[in-house]
Protein backbone atom coordinates (compact mmCIF):
# COMPACT_ATOMS: atom_id res chain seq x y z
CA MET A 1 56.90 57.10 -23.37
CA PHE A 2 58.66 55.34 -20.29
CA MET A 3 60.63 52.39 -19.40
CA LYS A 4 59.75 50.46 -16.28
CA ARG A 5 61.42 47.50 -14.90
CA ARG A 6 60.08 44.60 -12.80
CA HIS A 7 61.85 42.35 -10.40
CA VAL A 8 60.04 38.94 -10.51
CA PRO A 9 60.59 35.53 -8.51
CA ALA A 10 63.89 33.88 -9.34
CA VAL A 11 63.83 30.76 -11.59
CA THR A 12 65.20 27.80 -9.91
CA LEU A 13 67.40 24.98 -11.54
CA PRO A 14 64.73 22.21 -11.56
CA LEU A 15 62.17 24.50 -13.19
CA LEU A 16 64.67 25.45 -15.69
CA ALA A 17 65.47 21.80 -16.25
CA ALA A 18 61.58 20.94 -16.76
CA PHE A 19 61.69 23.60 -19.76
CA GLY A 20 64.58 21.79 -21.23
CA LEU A 21 66.77 24.73 -21.21
CA ILE A 22 68.94 23.40 -18.69
CA ALA A 23 71.04 20.27 -18.83
CA THR A 24 74.08 18.93 -16.66
CA ALA A 25 77.47 18.97 -17.87
CA CYS A 26 79.47 16.21 -17.33
CA GLY A 27 83.26 15.06 -18.02
CA ASP A 28 84.23 18.51 -19.31
CA ASP A 29 87.12 19.07 -16.76
CA PRO A 30 90.24 17.31 -17.38
CA ASP A 31 91.70 18.64 -14.05
CA ALA A 32 89.60 17.36 -11.51
CA SER A 33 91.19 19.46 -8.98
CA GLY A 34 89.62 22.55 -10.20
CA PRO A 35 87.35 24.21 -12.76
CA PRO A 36 88.75 24.16 -16.54
CA VAL A 37 90.41 27.30 -17.80
CA LEU A 38 88.02 28.80 -20.67
CA VAL A 39 89.68 29.81 -23.65
CA VAL A 40 87.54 32.60 -25.39
CA THR A 41 87.69 34.69 -28.26
CA GLY A 42 85.78 37.62 -26.95
CA SER A 43 82.79 38.73 -24.59
CA GLY A 44 79.01 39.65 -24.93
CA MET A 45 79.12 41.86 -21.78
CA ASN A 46 77.48 45.14 -21.30
CA ALA A 47 80.76 46.91 -20.77
CA PRO A 48 80.55 50.67 -20.10
CA THR A 49 81.13 52.00 -23.47
CA ALA A 50 84.14 50.01 -24.31
CA SER A 51 85.46 49.68 -27.90
CA SER A 52 84.12 46.78 -29.54
CA ASP A 53 87.25 46.57 -31.95
CA MET A 54 90.04 46.57 -29.15
CA ALA A 55 91.20 42.95 -28.44
CA ALA A 56 92.19 42.16 -25.05
CA GLY A 57 95.80 42.72 -24.68
CA ALA A 58 97.01 45.56 -26.75
CA SER A 59 100.76 46.20 -26.24
CA GLU A 60 102.92 48.98 -26.69
CA SER A 61 100.24 51.17 -28.60
CA LYS A 62 99.18 54.67 -28.05
CA MET A 63 95.66 55.71 -27.83
CA TRP A 64 94.04 59.02 -27.66
CA ALA A 65 91.72 59.11 -24.57
CA PRO A 66 90.00 62.37 -23.77
CA TRP A 67 88.02 60.86 -20.96
CA ARG A 68 87.53 58.22 -18.79
CA MET A 69 84.94 56.87 -16.28
CA ASN A 70 85.63 56.73 -12.49
CA PHE A 71 83.61 54.25 -10.80
CA VAL A 72 83.23 54.77 -6.94
CA ALA A 73 81.02 52.82 -4.41
CA GLY A 74 78.50 55.31 -3.03
CA VAL A 75 77.49 52.72 -0.35
CA ASP A 76 79.02 49.60 1.26
CA LEU A 77 78.89 46.85 -1.15
CA PRO A 78 78.53 42.90 -0.48
CA ALA A 79 81.94 40.99 -1.04
CA LEU A 80 79.86 38.44 -3.23
CA ASP A 81 83.33 36.34 -3.43
CA SER A 82 81.84 32.79 -2.79
CA ASP A 83 82.39 30.38 -5.46
CA ALA A 84 79.39 30.74 -8.08
CA ALA A 85 78.06 28.44 -10.92
CA SER A 86 78.78 28.70 -14.90
CA TYR A 87 77.06 27.58 -17.69
CA THR A 88 77.41 26.59 -21.52
CA ILE A 89 75.58 26.72 -24.57
CA SER A 90 77.06 24.33 -27.13
CA ALA A 91 76.78 24.34 -30.92
CA GLY A 92 74.19 22.00 -32.28
CA SER A 93 71.91 21.96 -29.09
CA PHE A 94 68.67 22.65 -30.97
CA SER A 95 67.11 21.11 -34.12
CA ALA A 96 64.75 21.73 -36.68
CA ASP A 97 61.67 20.86 -34.87
CA ASP A 98 62.81 23.44 -32.32
CA ILE A 99 62.80 25.87 -34.78
CA LEU A 100 59.25 24.99 -36.10
CA ALA A 101 57.89 24.94 -32.55
CA ILE A 102 58.81 28.57 -31.90
CA ALA A 103 58.18 29.74 -35.60
CA THR A 104 54.60 28.20 -35.01
CA VAL A 105 53.72 30.28 -31.99
CA PHE A 106 53.78 33.48 -34.31
CA GLY A 107 51.95 31.64 -37.09
CA VAL A 108 54.79 30.91 -39.36
CA THR A 109 54.90 27.48 -40.99
CA GLY A 110 56.26 25.77 -43.75
CA ASP A 111 59.88 24.12 -44.39
CA VAL A 112 63.04 25.22 -42.70
CA VAL A 113 65.61 26.42 -45.06
CA GLU A 114 69.18 26.31 -44.52
CA LEU A 115 70.55 29.62 -45.72
CA ASP A 116 74.20 29.79 -47.60
CA ALA A 117 77.25 30.51 -45.47
CA ASN A 118 78.39 33.29 -48.02
CA ILE A 119 75.14 35.43 -46.60
CA GLY A 120 75.85 34.75 -42.86
CA GLY A 121 74.30 31.06 -42.67
CA GLY A 122 71.39 30.18 -40.78
CA TYR A 123 67.97 29.20 -40.94
CA ARG A 124 64.72 30.71 -42.54
CA ILE A 125 61.06 29.88 -42.51
CA GLY A 126 58.79 31.86 -44.73
CA SER A 127 59.81 33.96 -47.69
CA GLU A 128 63.04 35.99 -48.46
CA ASP A 129 61.32 38.95 -49.87
CA GLY A 130 58.88 39.85 -46.94
CA SER A 131 55.74 38.76 -48.97
CA THR A 132 54.80 36.50 -46.10
CA ASP A 133 55.91 36.22 -42.18
CA THR A 134 59.22 35.03 -41.91
CA PHE A 135 61.17 33.32 -38.99
CA TRP A 136 64.91 33.41 -38.95
CA VAL A 137 67.40 31.59 -36.61
CA SER A 138 71.05 31.83 -36.50
CA SER A 139 73.51 29.12 -36.92
CA ASP A 140 75.59 29.47 -34.05
CA ALA A 141 75.39 28.25 -30.69
CA MET A 142 72.97 30.64 -29.27
CA GLY A 143 70.68 30.00 -32.12
CA TYR A 144 69.33 33.74 -32.00
CA TRP A 145 65.85 33.92 -33.52
CA ASN A 146 63.82 36.57 -34.80
CA TYR A 147 60.15 36.79 -36.10
CA SER A 148 59.27 39.69 -38.87
CA PRO A 149 55.77 40.00 -39.94
CA LYS A 150 54.85 40.61 -43.77
CA TRP A 151 56.06 43.94 -44.69
CA ASP A 152 53.47 46.56 -44.61
CA GLU A 153 53.84 49.47 -47.21
CA SER A 154 52.34 51.88 -44.45
CA MET A 155 55.05 50.96 -42.30
CA MET A 156 57.79 52.27 -44.58
CA SER A 157 59.90 55.36 -43.79
CA ARG A 158 57.72 58.30 -42.75
CA GLY A 159 57.93 61.53 -44.68
CA CYS A 160 57.41 62.41 -48.27
CA ALA A 161 59.86 63.17 -51.14
CA VAL A 162 61.03 66.67 -52.39
CA ALA A 163 61.32 67.75 -55.83
CA PRO A 164 64.87 68.62 -56.63
CA SER A 165 65.89 71.95 -57.98
CA ILE A 166 66.13 72.49 -61.87
CA ASP A 167 68.70 74.31 -63.71
CA SER A 168 67.94 75.60 -67.02
CA ASP A 169 69.48 77.83 -69.65
CA VAL A 170 68.12 81.31 -70.27
CA ASP A 171 70.16 83.38 -72.64
CA GLY A 172 73.24 81.83 -71.79
CA GLU A 173 72.64 82.12 -68.31
CA THR A 174 71.78 79.31 -65.94
CA VAL A 175 68.68 79.98 -64.04
CA THR A 176 67.82 77.52 -60.92
CA THR A 177 64.10 77.25 -60.28
CA GLU A 178 63.16 76.04 -56.85
CA PRO A 179 60.28 73.61 -56.47
CA ALA A 180 56.98 74.72 -54.75
CA PRO A 181 56.82 74.00 -51.04
CA ILE A 182 55.35 70.54 -50.20
CA GLU A 183 53.15 69.88 -47.50
CA CYS A 184 53.87 66.58 -45.91
CA GLU A 185 51.44 64.62 -44.12
CA THR A 186 51.75 64.35 -40.55
CA PRO A 187 52.39 60.62 -39.31
CA GLN A 188 49.64 59.46 -37.25
CA PRO A 189 49.99 56.80 -34.35
CA PRO A 190 48.51 53.42 -35.21
CA ALA A 191 45.04 52.39 -33.42
CA ASN A 192 44.93 50.66 -30.24
CA VAL A 193 48.53 50.24 -29.46
CA PRO A 194 48.64 48.18 -26.20
CA SER A 195 49.07 49.80 -22.97
CA GLU A 196 52.34 48.43 -20.64
CA ASP A 197 49.80 46.14 -18.77
CA GLU A 198 48.40 45.01 -21.85
CA ALA A 199 51.49 44.16 -23.63
CA LEU A 200 52.82 42.50 -20.60
CA ALA A 201 49.65 40.20 -20.47
CA MET A 202 50.06 39.20 -24.13
CA PHE A 203 53.87 38.92 -23.37
CA GLU A 204 52.99 36.11 -20.71
CA THR A 205 50.93 34.68 -23.07
CA LEU A 206 53.39 33.99 -25.87
CA MET A 207 55.92 33.10 -23.35
CA SER A 208 53.80 29.99 -21.93
CA GLU A 209 53.11 28.95 -25.82
CA MET A 210 56.80 28.64 -26.15
CA ASN A 211 56.90 26.60 -22.67
CA LEU A 212 58.45 29.35 -20.64
CA ASN A 213 57.32 31.26 -17.88
CA ALA A 214 57.50 35.20 -17.68
CA ASP A 215 57.88 34.99 -13.91
CA ASP A 216 61.23 33.53 -14.16
CA MET A 217 62.58 36.62 -16.11
CA VAL A 218 63.53 40.22 -15.22
CA LEU A 219 61.08 42.30 -17.22
CA GLU A 220 61.21 45.52 -18.80
CA THR A 221 58.39 47.12 -20.34
CA TYR A 222 57.91 50.07 -22.62
CA ALA A 223 54.89 51.90 -24.24
CA ASP A 224 53.91 54.93 -25.96
CA GLU A 225 51.46 55.86 -28.49
CA TRP A 226 53.46 54.52 -31.41
CA SER A 227 54.21 50.95 -30.03
CA ALA A 228 54.71 48.59 -27.22
CA SER A 229 57.46 46.13 -26.08
CA VAL A 230 58.35 43.87 -23.35
CA TYR A 231 62.20 42.55 -22.78
CA GLY A 232 62.79 39.29 -20.62
CA TYR A 233 65.74 38.62 -19.19
CA LEU A 234 66.23 34.96 -18.07
CA LEU A 235 67.03 34.22 -14.69
CA ILE A 236 69.11 30.85 -14.21
CA ASP A 237 69.24 29.83 -10.56
CA GLY A 238 68.29 33.14 -9.22
CA VAL A 239 70.86 35.14 -11.38
CA ARG A 240 70.16 37.44 -14.13
CA SER A 241 71.44 36.48 -17.51
CA PRO A 242 71.94 38.09 -21.05
CA LEU A 243 69.63 35.63 -22.54
CA THR A 244 66.50 37.58 -23.60
CA VAL A 245 63.10 37.08 -25.25
CA ASN A 246 61.88 40.22 -26.71
CA VAL A 247 58.49 41.02 -28.10
CA GLY A 248 57.26 44.41 -29.77
CA PHE A 249 53.61 45.31 -30.43
CA GLY A 250 51.64 47.67 -32.63
CA ALA A 251 48.27 48.59 -33.87
CA GLU A 252 45.52 46.19 -32.52
CA GLY A 253 48.39 44.37 -30.43
CA ALA A 254 49.85 42.89 -33.18
CA VAL A 255 53.02 41.21 -32.89
CA THR A 256 55.42 43.47 -34.66
CA TRP A 257 58.58 41.98 -34.24
CA ALA A 258 60.08 39.19 -31.67
CA SER A 259 63.40 37.57 -30.89
CA GLY A 260 65.03 35.38 -28.32
CA PHE A 261 67.30 32.23 -28.41
CA LEU A 262 67.12 28.40 -28.63
CA GLY A 263 70.60 27.26 -27.67
CA GLU A 264 70.33 24.85 -24.63
CA VAL A 265 72.04 26.04 -21.24
CA VAL A 266 74.12 23.35 -19.54
CA ARG A 267 75.22 23.76 -15.89
CA GLY A 268 79.20 23.92 -16.03
CA ALA A 269 81.94 24.28 -13.15
CA ASP A 270 81.77 26.18 -10.06
CA TYR A 271 84.26 29.21 -9.98
CA PRO A 272 85.84 31.33 -7.42
CA ARG A 273 85.16 35.00 -7.61
CA ILE A 274 87.27 37.96 -7.05
CA GLY A 275 84.73 40.00 -5.04
CA THR A 276 83.11 43.24 -5.70
CA ALA A 277 85.95 45.36 -4.61
CA ALA A 278 88.44 43.96 -6.81
CA ALA A 279 85.76 43.94 -9.53
CA LEU A 280 85.15 47.69 -9.10
CA GLU A 281 89.10 48.26 -9.58
CA ARG A 282 88.79 46.03 -12.59
CA LEU A 283 85.89 48.04 -14.04
CA ASN A 284 88.27 51.11 -13.33
CA SER A 285 91.65 49.96 -14.97
CA ASP A 286 89.84 47.55 -18.07
CA TYR A 287 87.14 49.74 -18.98
CA ALA A 288 88.58 49.57 -22.60
CA ASN A 289 89.04 45.62 -22.68
CA PRO A 290 86.11 43.89 -23.96
CA MET A 291 87.31 40.91 -21.89
CA LEU A 292 87.47 42.93 -18.74
CA ARG A 293 89.86 40.16 -17.24
CA GLY A 294 92.60 42.30 -16.57
CA GLY A 295 94.40 42.37 -20.01
CA VAL A 296 94.35 46.19 -20.80
CA ALA A 297 94.86 49.11 -18.54
CA VAL A 298 94.08 52.57 -20.13
CA ASP A 299 96.22 54.98 -17.54
CA ASP A 300 95.85 58.56 -16.74
CA ILE A 301 96.78 60.95 -19.52
CA ALA A 302 99.73 63.46 -18.87
CA VAL A 303 98.74 66.88 -19.62
CA SER A 304 102.04 67.18 -21.63
CA SER A 305 101.53 64.27 -23.68
CA GLY A 306 98.00 63.89 -24.47
CA VAL A 307 98.09 60.11 -24.82
CA ALA A 308 97.72 57.20 -22.60
CA GLU A 309 100.10 54.15 -22.74
CA THR A 310 98.01 50.52 -22.95
CA THR A 311 99.85 47.91 -20.84
CA ALA A 312 99.22 44.14 -21.40
CA SER A 313 99.65 41.08 -19.69
CA ALA A 314 102.50 38.81 -21.22
CA ASP A 315 100.06 36.25 -22.97
CA ALA A 316 97.75 38.85 -24.61
CA ALA A 317 97.77 39.51 -28.27
CA THR A 318 98.24 42.77 -30.08
CA SER A 319 95.35 45.14 -31.21
CA ASP A 320 95.21 48.05 -33.50
CA THR A 321 94.87 51.51 -32.17
CA VAL A 322 91.24 52.99 -31.48
CA VAL A 323 89.52 55.85 -30.49
CA PRO A 324 87.13 55.07 -27.43
CA VAL A 325 83.58 56.00 -27.87
CA PRO A 326 82.25 58.26 -25.22
CA SER A 327 79.46 57.52 -22.98
CA SER A 328 75.92 58.74 -24.12
CA ASP A 329 75.71 61.23 -21.06
CA MET A 330 78.92 62.92 -22.02
CA PRO A 331 77.78 66.81 -23.45
CA VAL A 332 78.24 66.50 -27.19
CA GLU A 333 79.76 69.81 -27.35
CA THR A 334 83.09 68.49 -25.50
CA MET A 335 83.73 65.47 -28.25
CA PRO A 336 86.05 66.18 -31.08
CA VAL A 337 84.37 64.98 -34.13
CA ASP A 338 86.23 62.90 -36.88
CA MET A 339 89.47 64.48 -35.76
CA PRO A 340 92.70 62.24 -37.42
CA ILE A 341 94.64 60.82 -34.43
CA GLU A 342 97.74 62.36 -36.06
CA THR A 343 96.20 65.92 -35.85
CA MET A 344 94.72 65.47 -32.17
CA PRO A 345 95.81 68.08 -29.74
CA VAL A 346 98.86 66.85 -27.60
CA ASP A 347 98.07 69.02 -24.64
CA MET A 348 94.44 67.88 -24.00
CA PRO A 349 94.14 66.39 -20.25
CA ILE A 350 91.78 63.46 -20.03
CA GLU A 351 88.32 64.25 -18.71
CA VAL A 352 87.24 61.98 -15.80
CA GLN A 353 83.61 61.32 -15.31
CA ASP A 354 82.55 60.13 -11.79
CA VAL A 355 79.99 57.31 -11.60
CA THR A 356 78.63 56.50 -8.13
CA ILE A 357 77.63 53.22 -7.86
CA VAL A 358 74.46 52.42 -5.48
CA ALA A 359 74.33 48.83 -5.72
CA VAL A 360 75.43 45.74 -7.07
CA GLU A 361 73.92 42.41 -8.11
CA GLU A 362 75.18 39.04 -9.32
CA GLU A 363 74.78 38.65 -13.09
CA LEU A 364 75.97 36.35 -15.37
CA VAL A 365 78.35 37.35 -18.12
CA MET A 366 78.88 36.01 -21.62
CA LEU A 367 81.92 34.87 -23.10
CA TYR A 368 82.51 33.22 -26.67
CA GLY A 369 84.33 30.28 -26.79
CA GLN A 370 87.14 29.38 -29.08
CA ASP A 371 85.19 26.24 -29.98
CA GLY A 372 81.99 28.05 -30.76
CA SER A 373 80.65 27.56 -27.32
CA VAL A 374 78.99 30.32 -25.58
CA TYR A 375 79.95 30.53 -21.64
CA LEU A 376 77.75 32.23 -19.14
CA VAL A 377 79.99 32.92 -16.24
CA PRO A 378 79.73 34.54 -12.58
CA GLY A 379 79.66 38.38 -13.10
CA TYR A 380 78.62 41.98 -11.15
CA ALA A 381 76.17 44.40 -12.28
CA PHE A 382 77.45 47.63 -10.64
CA ILE A 383 74.35 49.84 -10.61
CA ALA A 384 74.29 53.73 -10.65
CA ALA A 385 71.43 55.97 -9.57
CA GLU A 386 68.45 56.34 -12.04
CA ASP A 387 68.65 59.16 -14.21
CA GLU A 388 66.14 61.87 -14.96
CA TYR A 389 64.56 59.84 -17.70
CA GLY A 390 64.28 56.84 -15.62
CA TYR A 391 66.77 55.05 -16.89
CA THR A 392 69.23 52.91 -14.49
CA PRO A 393 72.80 52.69 -15.52
CA ARG A 394 74.24 48.85 -15.40
CA TYR A 395 77.89 48.49 -15.62
CA THR A 396 78.97 44.63 -15.88
CA VAL A 397 82.25 42.86 -15.40
CA SER A 398 83.10 39.37 -15.19
CA ALA A 399 83.96 38.00 -11.60
CA LEU A 400 86.57 35.14 -12.79
CA PRO A 401 89.96 35.29 -11.74
CA ASP A 402 92.37 35.91 -14.55
CA GLU A 403 93.77 32.50 -14.60
CA TYR A 404 90.84 30.99 -15.48
CA VAL A 405 90.18 32.71 -18.75
CA GLN A 406 92.39 32.70 -21.68
CA GLN A 407 92.51 34.71 -24.76
CA ALA A 408 92.31 32.34 -27.89
CA ASP A 409 95.47 32.77 -29.82
CA PRO A 410 95.10 34.58 -33.50
CA ILE A 411 94.90 32.05 -36.14
CA GLY A 412 98.16 31.72 -37.99
CA VAL A 413 97.93 32.92 -41.63
CA SER A 414 100.90 33.15 -44.05
CA PRO A 415 101.30 36.53 -45.49
CA GLU A 416 100.39 36.68 -49.19
CA PRO A 417 102.11 38.90 -51.56
CA ALA A 418 100.17 41.82 -52.32
CA VAL A 419 98.47 41.95 -55.38
CA GLU A 420 97.43 45.40 -56.94
CA GLU A 421 93.50 45.22 -58.00
CA PRO A 422 92.40 46.93 -60.94
CA VAL A 423 90.11 49.88 -59.92
CA PRO A 424 87.01 50.00 -62.03
CA SER A 425 86.07 53.23 -63.60
CA ASP A 426 82.69 53.18 -62.35
CA PRO A 427 81.39 51.98 -58.66
CA VAL A 428 80.33 48.59 -58.35
CA VAL A 429 77.00 48.35 -56.55
CA THR A 430 76.35 45.28 -54.77
CA GLU A 431 72.70 44.21 -54.94
CA LEU A 432 71.17 42.54 -52.10
CA ALA A 433 68.61 40.09 -51.57
CA VAL A 434 66.20 40.10 -48.64
CA ALA A 435 67.83 37.42 -47.29
CA ASP A 436 71.18 39.15 -47.21
CA ALA A 437 69.59 41.95 -45.03
CA GLU A 438 68.06 39.68 -42.70
CA THR A 439 71.37 38.15 -41.40
CA LEU A 440 71.92 41.46 -39.79
CA VAL A 441 68.82 40.65 -37.51
CA GLY A 442 69.48 39.76 -33.97
CA LEU A 443 72.94 41.42 -33.89
CA SER A 444 73.83 44.58 -31.73
CA GLU A 445 73.59 47.81 -33.61
CA SER A 446 77.60 48.15 -33.95
CA GLU A 447 77.95 44.38 -35.17
CA ALA A 448 75.25 44.97 -38.13
CA LEU A 449 77.08 48.27 -39.02
CA ASP A 450 80.33 46.38 -38.90
CA THR A 451 79.05 43.23 -40.76
CA ALA A 452 77.39 45.41 -43.58
CA LYS A 453 80.81 47.48 -44.01
CA ALA A 454 82.47 44.22 -44.56
CA ASN A 455 80.27 42.79 -46.89
CA GLY A 456 80.26 46.09 -49.02
CA TRP A 457 77.09 47.13 -48.14
CA ASP A 458 75.79 50.70 -46.90
CA ALA A 459 73.79 50.68 -43.86
CA ARG A 460 71.84 53.47 -41.97
CA VAL A 461 69.55 52.99 -38.76
CA VAL A 462 66.14 54.34 -39.47
CA SER A 463 64.72 53.67 -36.32
CA ARG A 464 65.83 53.49 -32.85
CA ASP A 465 63.98 52.33 -29.82
CA GLY A 466 60.71 53.76 -31.34
CA GLU A 467 61.86 56.84 -32.67
CA ASP A 468 62.12 57.14 -36.71
CA PHE A 469 64.49 59.22 -38.31
CA ALA A 470 64.49 61.41 -41.30
CA VAL A 471 65.72 59.65 -44.25
CA THR A 472 66.00 60.12 -48.07
CA MET A 473 63.36 58.30 -50.23
CA ASP A 474 65.76 57.16 -52.88
CA TYR A 475 65.79 53.53 -53.49
CA ARG A 476 69.37 51.69 -53.35
CA ALA A 477 69.99 48.05 -54.08
CA ASP A 478 72.96 47.87 -51.94
CA ARG A 479 71.73 49.58 -48.83
CA VAL A 480 70.23 47.98 -45.77
CA ASN A 481 67.69 49.98 -43.54
CA LEU A 482 68.11 48.76 -39.79
CA THR A 483 65.45 49.13 -37.00
CA VAL A 484 67.02 48.92 -33.55
CA VAL A 485 65.41 48.47 -30.22
CA ASP A 486 67.68 48.40 -27.05
CA ASP A 487 70.83 48.08 -29.03
CA VAL A 488 69.31 44.90 -31.18
CA VAL A 489 68.82 45.02 -34.86
CA THR A 490 65.06 44.16 -35.07
CA ALA A 491 64.47 44.46 -38.76
CA SER A 492 66.53 44.99 -41.89
CA THR A 493 65.20 46.02 -45.03
CA VAL A 494 66.98 46.69 -48.76
CA GLY A 495 66.59 49.86 -49.95
C-alpha cells in the first residue's frame, strides 16, 4: 500500500478556456481602483487541524488548548508577494445536459431528478435504493458530483455475526450459556485489482472522455491488493487548486466510485499577497481560525492558568468555545479523552509541536461567498518533510491581506419564546431513504458526521482510505455507514 505524488505540467488559462472550465469575469468590481472585498462565510482550506466549528473572530472567550503547532522555516523561502489572480465559481453555472454528459461517461443514463431540499437537494440519475448505478450532483455552486455503482452484496461489511449469550433459569438460578466459537471466513482481496500504472492509464482515459486532461492536474495515486485510486488536483494557470476529480478501481479494473465538480471557473480580479514570511506568522497565530485571515489568535498558555485567551478583530463575530482536535501525529497517550471543559486541569502547560517547513508553493485557497459563490483566492502551501510512511504534509493558508476579506454578518433572527417539547416515552427512530444517505456523499468526513447529527441520524465510518473497520452486523433504519477516502465521503449506505 503506498501513495505516490506526481508533478505534471501546469495547465494554461487558454487551455482551460477550451475545456469550458475558465471564463472571464466582467463588471464585478464596483471600485475600479482596486480589487473587490470578498464577503465570505467560511473556507474550504486544508488548514492544519483547525476546528471546523470555530467562527472567525471569537471574542473574549476561553478555550482549553493543551497543544499547538509552531511552524518554522527550515530553509530560505521565496517571498511570493507579487499580485496574483483569483477565480470565482457562481451558482447556476452548470445544466442538466452537463450532468448527463459526465454521467454517461460512467454508463449512467436516464432522467435527471431534482431532489427535495429537505434531504439536502441536488440532482440524481439512477435509483435511490442502489439497485442500479447512480450519479448524484450537489445543488451548490461547485456542483460536486459522485458516481456510485450498483450495490454488490459481496462488498458489504466484512465479518460474521456472533450469537449472543443466552440466560436461562435453572432451579431458580440464572445460568448463562455462551455460544460456541464461530470461525469467521478470512476476507480475500478482489481479483485483478489494477496496479498504480494501470489505474493511472484508466484515469487518463476517463478524463479524456470528460474533455479533461490528466496532464493538467497534480496526480496522487494509491494502490494495494484491495483497491487502487487516482486523485487529480486541477492546475489553474499553473497553480494547484482544491478542485479535484477522483476515481477508485476494484476487481477487474471496475470503477468502484468517482467524484468531481461541474462548476464553471471564472477569472476574477488580481489581489496583492502578504508574502510567505507574513503567511507563516499567520499560520502560527491563526491556526484555530478557519478563515486564516488574522481574526483569531490562540496565545501561549500560562502554566498557572491552563487556558488561552482568544483575541479578535473589531468586526469579527462571536463563536462558542471549542476544544481543538490534536494533530494526527500527536501520541495518543498525551490526549485526554472526553474530558469535560470544567474538569480539565488548570495547571496543564501547552505542548508545542515544532513543524519544520522545507518548501512553499503557490496554491489557490477556497472561500465560500455569502451569495453562494465559491472563491479561489491566492494562497500558500507550506510543505513539511516527508514522513516515514511517505506522506508529505501540506499546510495551506490564504495570501490575501485582511482588508480584502470580510466575514459575513450572522443572519439576524428574533428570539422565539422557549417551548417545552413533550418527551416521548419510547425513542423515535427516523427511517432513512437511500436518497437521504446519498446527500452525504461528496462531503468531508466531519461535514458528513455533523450533517447526520443535525438530521437526527446515527452515523459511523465503516471504511477509511481502503481500511475496513470491524462493525456490528445489526440493521438500523436510522443509521448511515460512511466510506471515506482522502477525507471525502465516497459512499453512504443505510443500515
